[in-house]
PDB file of N, CA and C in Angstrom:
ATOM      1  N   MET A   1       5.564  -5.723 -12.874  1.00  0.00           N
ATOM      2  CA  MET A   1       4.608  -6.052 -11.818  1.00  0.00           C
ATOM      3  C   MET A   1       4.257  -4.785 -11.308  1.00  0.00           C
ATOM      4  N   LYS A   2       2.889  -4.757 -10.738  1.00  0.00           N
ATOM      5  CA  LYS A   2       2.031  -3.819 -10.223  1.00  0.00           C
ATOM      6  C   LYS A   2       2.560  -3.630  -8.859  1.00  0.00           C
ATOM      7  N   ILE A   3       2.826  -2.257  -8.204  1.00  0.00           N
ATOM      8  CA  ILE A   3       3.190  -2.228  -6.742  1.00  0.00           C
ATOM      9  C   ILE A   3       2.102  -1.238  -6.416  1.00  0.00           C
ATOM     10  N   TYR A   4       2.115  -1.305  -5.139  1.00  0.00           N
ATOM     11  CA  TYR A   4       0.782  -0.381  -4.331  1.00  0.00           C
ATOM     12  C   TYR A   4       1.760   0.651  -3.531  1.00  0.00           C
ATOM     13  N   LEU A   5       1.334   1.745  -3.572  1.00  0.00           N
ATOM     14  CA  LEU A   5       2.273   2.822  -2.908  1.00  0.00           C
ATOM     15  C   LEU A   5       1.283   3.130  -1.589  1.00  0.00           C
ATOM     16  N   PHE A   6       2.259   3.497  -0.763  1.00  0.00           N
ATOM     17  CA  PHE A   6       1.484   3.995   0.862  1.00  0.00           C
ATOM     18  C   PHE A   6       2.506   4.910   1.295  1.00  0.00           C
ATOM     19  N   CYS A   7       2.114   5.748   2.193  1.00  0.00           N
ATOM     20  CA  CYS A   7       2.955   6.860   2.868  1.00  0.00           C
ATOM     21  C   CYS A   7       3.786   6.050   4.003  1.00  0.00           C
ATOM     22  N   PRO A   8       5.167   6.030   3.950  1.00  0.00           N
ATOM     23  CA  PRO A   8       5.969   5.136   4.717  1.00  0.00           C
ATOM     24  C   PRO A   8       5.735   5.837   6.524  1.00  0.00           C
ATOM     25  N   GLU A   9       5.072   7.007   6.657  1.00  0.00           N
ATOM     26  CA  GLU A   9       4.876   7.314   8.019  1.00  0.00           C
ATOM     27  C   GLU A   9       3.583   6.748   8.416  1.00  0.00           C
ATOM     28  N   THR A  10       2.398   6.971   7.642  1.00  0.00           N
ATOM     29  CA  THR A  10       1.204   6.710   8.058  1.00  0.00           C
ATOM     30  C   THR A  10       0.608   5.384   7.598  1.00  0.00           C
ATOM     31  N   GLY A  11       1.025   4.784   6.611  1.00  0.00           N
ATOM     32  CA  GLY A  11       0.797   3.682   5.703  1.00  0.00           C
ATOM     33  C   GLY A  11      -0.471   4.166   4.804  1.00  0.00           C
ATOM     34  N   LEU A  12      -1.129   5.390   4.653  1.00  0.00           N
ATOM     35  CA  LEU A  12      -2.069   5.709   3.969  1.00  0.00           C
ATOM     36  C   LEU A  12      -1.901   5.487   2.470  1.00  0.00           C
ATOM     37  N   TYR A  13      -2.796   4.780   1.993  1.00  0.00           N
ATOM     38  CA  TYR A  13      -2.855   4.220   0.264  1.00  0.00           C
ATOM     39  C   TYR A  13      -2.582   5.420  -0.418  1.00  0.00           C
ATOM     40  N   GLN A  14      -1.521   5.442  -1.438  1.00  0.00           N
ATOM     41  CA  GLN A  14      -1.296   6.647  -2.324  1.00  0.00           C
ATOM     42  C   GLN A  14      -1.448   6.543  -3.997  1.00  0.00           C
ATOM     43  N   GLY A  15      -1.901   5.143  -4.253  1.00  0.00           N
ATOM     44  CA  GLY A  15      -1.984   4.837  -5.484  1.00  0.00           C
ATOM     45  C   GLY A  15      -1.185   3.461  -5.988  1.00  0.00           C
ATOM     46  N   GLU A  16      -0.929   3.480  -7.302  1.00  0.00           N
ATOM     47  CA  GLU A  16      -0.129   2.207  -7.913  1.00  0.00           C
ATOM     48  C   GLU A  16       0.922   2.814  -8.956  1.00  0.00           C
ATOM     49  N   ASP A  17       1.634   1.714  -9.023  1.00  0.00           N
ATOM     50  CA  ASP A  17       2.882   2.151 -10.009  1.00  0.00           C
ATOM     51  C   ASP A  17       3.324   0.698 -10.520  1.00  0.00           C
ATOM     52  N   PHE A  18       4.212   0.533 -11.324  1.00  0.00           N
ATOM     53  CA  PHE A  18       4.952  -0.464 -11.841  1.00  0.00           C
ATOM     54  C   PHE A  18       6.373  -0.520 -11.369  1.00  0.00           C
ATOM     55  N   ALA A  19       6.827  -1.797 -11.231  1.00  0.00           N
ATOM     56  CA  ALA A  19       8.278  -2.154 -11.164  1.00  0.00           C
ATOM     57  C   ALA A  19       8.752  -3.159 -11.849  1.00  0.00           C
ATOM     58  N   ASP A  20       9.988  -3.296 -11.965  1.00  0.00           N
ATOM     59  CA  ASP A  20      10.608  -4.380 -12.792  1.00  0.00           C
ATOM     60  C   ASP A  20      10.304  -5.694 -12.267  1.00  0.00           C
ATOM     61  N   ASP A  21       9.779  -6.742 -12.725  1.00  0.00           N
ATOM     62  CA  ASP A  21       9.503  -8.326 -12.269  1.00  0.00           C
ATOM     63  C   ASP A  21      10.804  -8.851 -11.756  1.00  0.00           C
ATOM     64  N   ILE A  22      11.783  -8.801 -12.617  1.00  0.00           N
ATOM     65  CA  ILE A  22      13.068  -9.345 -12.399  1.00  0.00           C
ATOM     66  C   ILE A  22      13.531  -9.044 -11.001  1.00  0.00           C
ATOM     67  N   LEU A  23      13.606  -7.459 -10.617  1.00  0.00           N
ATOM     68  CA  LEU A  23      14.201  -7.018  -9.330  1.00  0.00           C
ATOM     69  C   LEU A  23      13.332  -7.524  -8.209  1.00  0.00           C
ATOM     70  N   ILE A  24      12.002  -7.636  -8.216  1.00  0.00           N
ATOM     71  CA  ILE A  24      11.328  -7.777  -7.247  1.00  0.00           C
ATOM     72  C   ILE A  24      11.269  -9.036  -6.912  1.00  0.00           C
ATOM     73  N   LYS A  25      11.383 -10.002  -7.753  1.00  0.00           N
ATOM     74  CA  LYS A  25      11.553 -11.410  -7.599  1.00  0.00           C
ATOM     75  C   LYS A  25      12.906 -11.912  -7.061  1.00  0.00           C
ATOM     76  N   ASN A  26      13.755 -10.921  -7.126  1.00  0.00           N
ATOM     77  CA  ASN A  26      15.255 -11.281  -6.645  1.00  0.00           C
ATOM     78  C   ASN A  26      15.204 -10.484  -5.264  1.00  0.00           C
ATOM     79  N   GLU A  27      14.676 -11.483  -4.159  1.00  0.00           N
ATOM     80  CA  GLU A  27      14.617 -11.141  -2.772  1.00  0.00           C
ATOM     81  C   GLU A  27      13.917  -9.708  -2.544  1.00  0.00           C
ATOM     82  N   GLY A  28      13.066  -9.239  -3.250  1.00  0.00           N
ATOM     83  CA  GLY A  28      12.308  -8.216  -2.993  1.00  0.00           C
ATOM     84  C   GLY A  28      13.172  -6.774  -3.093  1.00  0.00           C
ATOM     85  N   GLN A  29      14.200  -6.819  -3.790  1.00  0.00           N
ATOM     86  CA  GLN A  29      15.087  -5.715  -3.859  1.00  0.00           C
ATOM     87  C   GLN A  29      14.539  -4.553  -4.856  1.00  0.00           C
ATOM     88  N   GLY A  30      13.540  -4.874  -5.657  1.00  0.00           N
ATOM     89  CA  GLY A  30      12.904  -4.115  -6.674  1.00  0.00           C
ATOM     90  C   GLY A  30      11.889  -3.078  -6.070  1.00  0.00           C
ATOM     91  N   VAL A  31      11.527  -3.609  -4.935  1.00  0.00           N
ATOM     92  CA  VAL A  31      10.120  -3.112  -4.362  1.00  0.00           C
ATOM     93  C   VAL A  31      10.591  -1.592  -3.572  1.00  0.00           C
ATOM     94  N   PRO A  32      10.482  -0.303  -4.061  1.00  0.00           N
ATOM     95  CA  PRO A  32      10.825   0.559  -3.063  1.00  0.00           C
ATOM     96  C   PRO A  32      10.209   0.882  -1.842  1.00  0.00           C
ATOM     97  N   HIS A  33      10.841   1.432  -0.940  1.00  0.00           N
ATOM     98  CA  HIS A  33      10.369   2.213   0.280  1.00  0.00           C
ATOM     99  C   HIS A  33       9.171   2.591   0.135  1.00  0.00           C
ATOM    100  N   GLY A  34       8.157   2.166   0.990  1.00  0.00           N
ATOM    101  CA  GLY A  34       6.815   2.901   1.007  1.00  0.00           C
ATOM    102  C   GLY A  34       5.973   2.126  -0.347  1.00  0.00           C
ATOM    103  N   ALA A  35       6.217   1.061  -0.663  1.00  0.00           N
ATOM    104  CA  ALA A  35       5.569   0.272  -1.722  1.00  0.00           C
ATOM    105  C   ALA A  35       5.591  -1.245  -1.246  1.00  0.00           C
ATOM    106  N   THR A  36       4.351  -1.884  -1.823  1.00  0.00           N
ATOM    107  CA  THR A  36       4.206  -3.419  -1.603  1.00  0.00           C
ATOM    108  C   THR A  36       3.549  -3.941  -2.974  1.00  0.00           C
ATOM    109  N   THR A  37       3.749  -5.321  -3.091  1.00  0.00           N
ATOM    110  CA  THR A  37       3.182  -5.941  -4.016  1.00  0.00           C
ATOM    111  C   THR A  37       1.850  -6.470  -3.788  1.00  0.00           C
ATOM    112  N   ILE A  38       1.328  -6.407  -2.510  1.00  0.00           N
ATOM    113  CA  ILE A  38      -0.048  -6.733  -1.910  1.00  0.00           C
ATOM    114  C   ILE A  38      -1.026  -5.617  -2.057  1.00  0.00           C
ATOM    115  N   ALA A  39      -2.072  -6.065  -2.986  1.00  0.00           N
ATOM    116  CA  ALA A  39      -3.047  -5.195  -3.345  1.00  0.00           C
ATOM    117  C   ALA A  39      -3.782  -4.752  -2.396  1.00  0.00           C
ATOM    118  N   PRO A  40      -4.312  -3.448  -2.035  1.00  0.00           N
ATOM    119  CA  PRO A  40      -5.288  -2.996  -0.968  1.00  0.00           C
ATOM    120  C   PRO A  40      -6.406  -3.738  -1.197  1.00  0.00           C
ATOM    121  N   PRO A  41      -7.462  -3.841  -0.315  1.00  0.00           N
ATOM    122  CA  PRO A  41      -8.720  -4.396  -0.471  1.00  0.00           C
ATOM    123  C   PRO A  41      -9.637  -3.264  -1.063  1.00  0.00           C
ATOM    124  N   ALA A  42     -10.732  -3.624  -1.617  1.00  0.00           N
ATOM    125  CA  ALA A  42     -11.730  -2.482  -1.977  1.00  0.00           C
ATOM    126  C   ALA A  42     -12.292  -1.738  -0.820  1.00  0.00           C
ATOM    127  N   TYR A  43     -12.696  -0.272  -0.866  1.00  0.00           N
ATOM    128  CA  TYR A  43     -13.217   0.300   0.086  1.00  0.00           C
ATOM    129  C   TYR A  43     -14.008   1.279  -0.390  1.00  0.00           C
ATOM    130  N   ARG A  44     -14.654   1.816   0.277  1.00  0.00           N
ATOM    131  CA  ARG A  44     -16.085   2.632   0.033  1.00  0.00           C
ATOM    132  C   ARG A  44     -15.698   4.096   0.132  1.00  0.00           C
ATOM    133  N   SER A  45     -16.624   4.885  -0.050  1.00  0.00           N
ATOM    134  CA  SER A  45     -16.645   6.246   0.201  1.00  0.00           C
ATOM    135  C   SER A  45     -16.408   6.416   1.674  1.00  0.00           C
ATOM    136  N   GLY A  46     -15.567   7.287   2.189  1.00  0.00           N
ATOM    137  CA  GLY A  46     -15.633   7.594   3.625  1.00  0.00           C
ATOM    138  C   GLY A  46     -14.573   6.632   4.465  1.00  0.00           C
ATOM    139  N   GLU A  47     -14.010   5.568   3.616  1.00  0.00           N
ATOM    140  CA  GLU A  47     -12.988   4.732   4.128  1.00  0.00           C
ATOM    141  C   GLU A  47     -11.540   5.140   3.416  1.00  0.00           C
ATOM    142  N   VAL A  48     -10.686   4.780   4.168  1.00  0.00           N
ATOM    143  CA  VAL A  48      -9.218   4.827   3.279  1.00  0.00           C
ATOM    144  C   VAL A  48      -8.600   3.287   3.597  1.00  0.00           C
ATOM    145  N   ALA A  49      -7.743   3.071   2.750  1.00  0.00           N
ATOM    146  CA  ALA A  49      -6.705   1.807   3.202  1.00  0.00           C
ATOM    147  C   ALA A  49      -5.492   2.317   3.683  1.00  0.00           C
ATOM    148  N   VAL A  50      -5.040   1.688   4.813  1.00  0.00           N
ATOM    149  CA  VAL A  50      -3.745   1.969   5.201  1.00  0.00           C
ATOM    150  C   VAL A  50      -2.964   0.575   5.476  1.00  0.00           C
ATOM    151  N   PHE A  51      -1.666   0.563   5.032  1.00  0.00           N
ATOM    152  CA  PHE A  51      -0.794  -0.628   4.901  1.00  0.00           C
ATOM    153  C   PHE A  51      -0.092  -0.758   6.378  1.00  0.00           C
ATOM    154  N   ARG A  52      -0.400  -1.685   7.118  1.00  0.00           N
ATOM    155  CA  ARG A  52       0.234  -2.068   8.319  1.00  0.00           C
ATOM    156  C   ARG A  52       1.591  -2.795   7.990  1.00  0.00           C
ATOM    157  N   ILE A  53       2.757  -1.979   7.935  1.00  0.00           N
ATOM    158  CA  ILE A  53       4.079  -2.284   7.617  1.00  0.00           C
ATOM    159  C   ILE A  53       4.398  -3.875   8.268  1.00  0.00           C
ATOM    160  N   SER A  54       4.361  -3.664   9.675  1.00  0.00           N
ATOM    161  CA  SER A  54       4.944  -4.739  10.647  1.00  0.00           C
ATOM    162  C   SER A  54       4.198  -6.272  10.441  1.00  0.00           C
ATOM    163  N   GLU A  55       2.854  -5.831   9.884  1.00  0.00           N
ATOM    164  CA  GLU A  55       2.125  -6.980   9.898  1.00  0.00           C
ATOM    165  C   GLU A  55       1.839  -7.462   8.482  1.00  0.00           C
ATOM    166  N   LYS A  56       2.552  -6.749   7.371  1.00  0.00           N
ATOM    167  CA  LYS A  56       2.391  -6.796   5.849  1.00  0.00           C
ATOM    168  C   LYS A  56       1.053  -7.099   5.339  1.00  0.00           C
ATOM    169  N   ARG A  57       0.057  -6.164   5.709  1.00  0.00           N
ATOM    170  CA  ARG A  57      -1.388  -6.301   5.417  1.00  0.00           C
ATOM    171  C   ARG A  57      -1.983  -4.988   5.288  1.00  0.00           C
ATOM    172  N   TRP A  58      -3.111  -4.817   4.530  1.00  0.00           N
ATOM    173  CA  TRP A  58      -3.634  -3.602   4.504  1.00  0.00           C
ATOM    174  C   TRP A  58      -4.987  -3.779   5.485  1.00  0.00           C
ATOM    175  N   GLU A  59      -5.499  -2.740   6.094  1.00  0.00           N
ATOM    176  CA  GLU A  59      -6.769  -2.564   6.795  1.00  0.00           C
ATOM    177  C   GLU A  59      -7.431  -1.245   6.161  1.00  0.00           C
ATOM    178  N   ILE A  60      -8.988  -1.445   6.498  1.00  0.00           N
ATOM    179  CA  ILE A  60      -9.671  -0.388   5.864  1.00  0.00           C
ATOM    180  C   ILE A  60     -10.252   0.460   7.213  1.00  0.00           C
ATOM    181  N   ARG A  61      -9.906   1.710   7.252  1.00  0.00           N
ATOM    182  CA  ARG A  61     -10.303   2.580   8.331  1.00  0.00           C
ATOM    183  C   ARG A  61     -11.434   3.704   7.697  1.00  0.00           C
ATOM    184  N   ALA A  62     -12.476   3.953   8.781  1.00  0.00           N
ATOM    185  CA  ALA A  62     -13.256   5.140   8.396  1.00  0.00           C
ATOM    186  C   ALA A  62     -12.494   6.438   8.470  1.00  0.00           C
ATOM    187  N   VAL A  63     -12.808   7.182   7.518  1.00  0.00           N
ATOM    188  CA  VAL A  63     -12.463   8.400   7.675  1.00  0.00           C
ATOM    189  C   VAL A  63     -13.237   9.418   8.585  1.00  0.00           C
ATOM    190  N   PRO A  64     -12.368  10.074   9.675  1.00  0.00           N
ATOM    191  CA  PRO A  64     -13.268  10.693  10.578  1.00  0.00           C
ATOM    192  C   PRO A  64     -13.866  11.986   9.856  1.00  0.00           C
ATOM    193  N   LEU A  65     -15.244  12.134  10.420  1.00  0.00           N
ATOM    194  CA  LEU A  65     -16.101  13.280   9.863  1.00  0.00           C
ATOM    195  C   LEU A  65     -15.666  14.512  10.494  1.00  0.00           C
ATOM    196  N   LYS A  66     -15.537  15.726   9.603  1.00  0.00           N
ATOM    197  CA  LYS A  66     -15.204  17.179  10.256  1.00  0.00           C
ATOM    198  C   LYS A  66     -16.324  17.916  10.785  1.00  0.00           C
ATOM    199  N   ASN A  67     -16.149  18.210  11.865  1.00  0.00           N
ATOM    200  CA  ASN A  67     -17.319  18.833  12.358  1.00  0.00           C
ATOM    201  C   ASN A  67     -17.397  20.565  11.829  1.00  0.00           C
TER     202      ASN A  67
END
């Protein structure tokens, strides 16, 4: 099963990987810390996906422009 990786401290999306389906279906034991089975939404240039761990959802944030 595909899993989506994020930084546990910031929630910032870091890519995707795969985990064993059987372990994931067994009460989520196969999903490692800093990962979720919830796919991030599409985002555009100048945006980032951030996982809200307490709410178990992704949100899109604008990347601050550097001066």
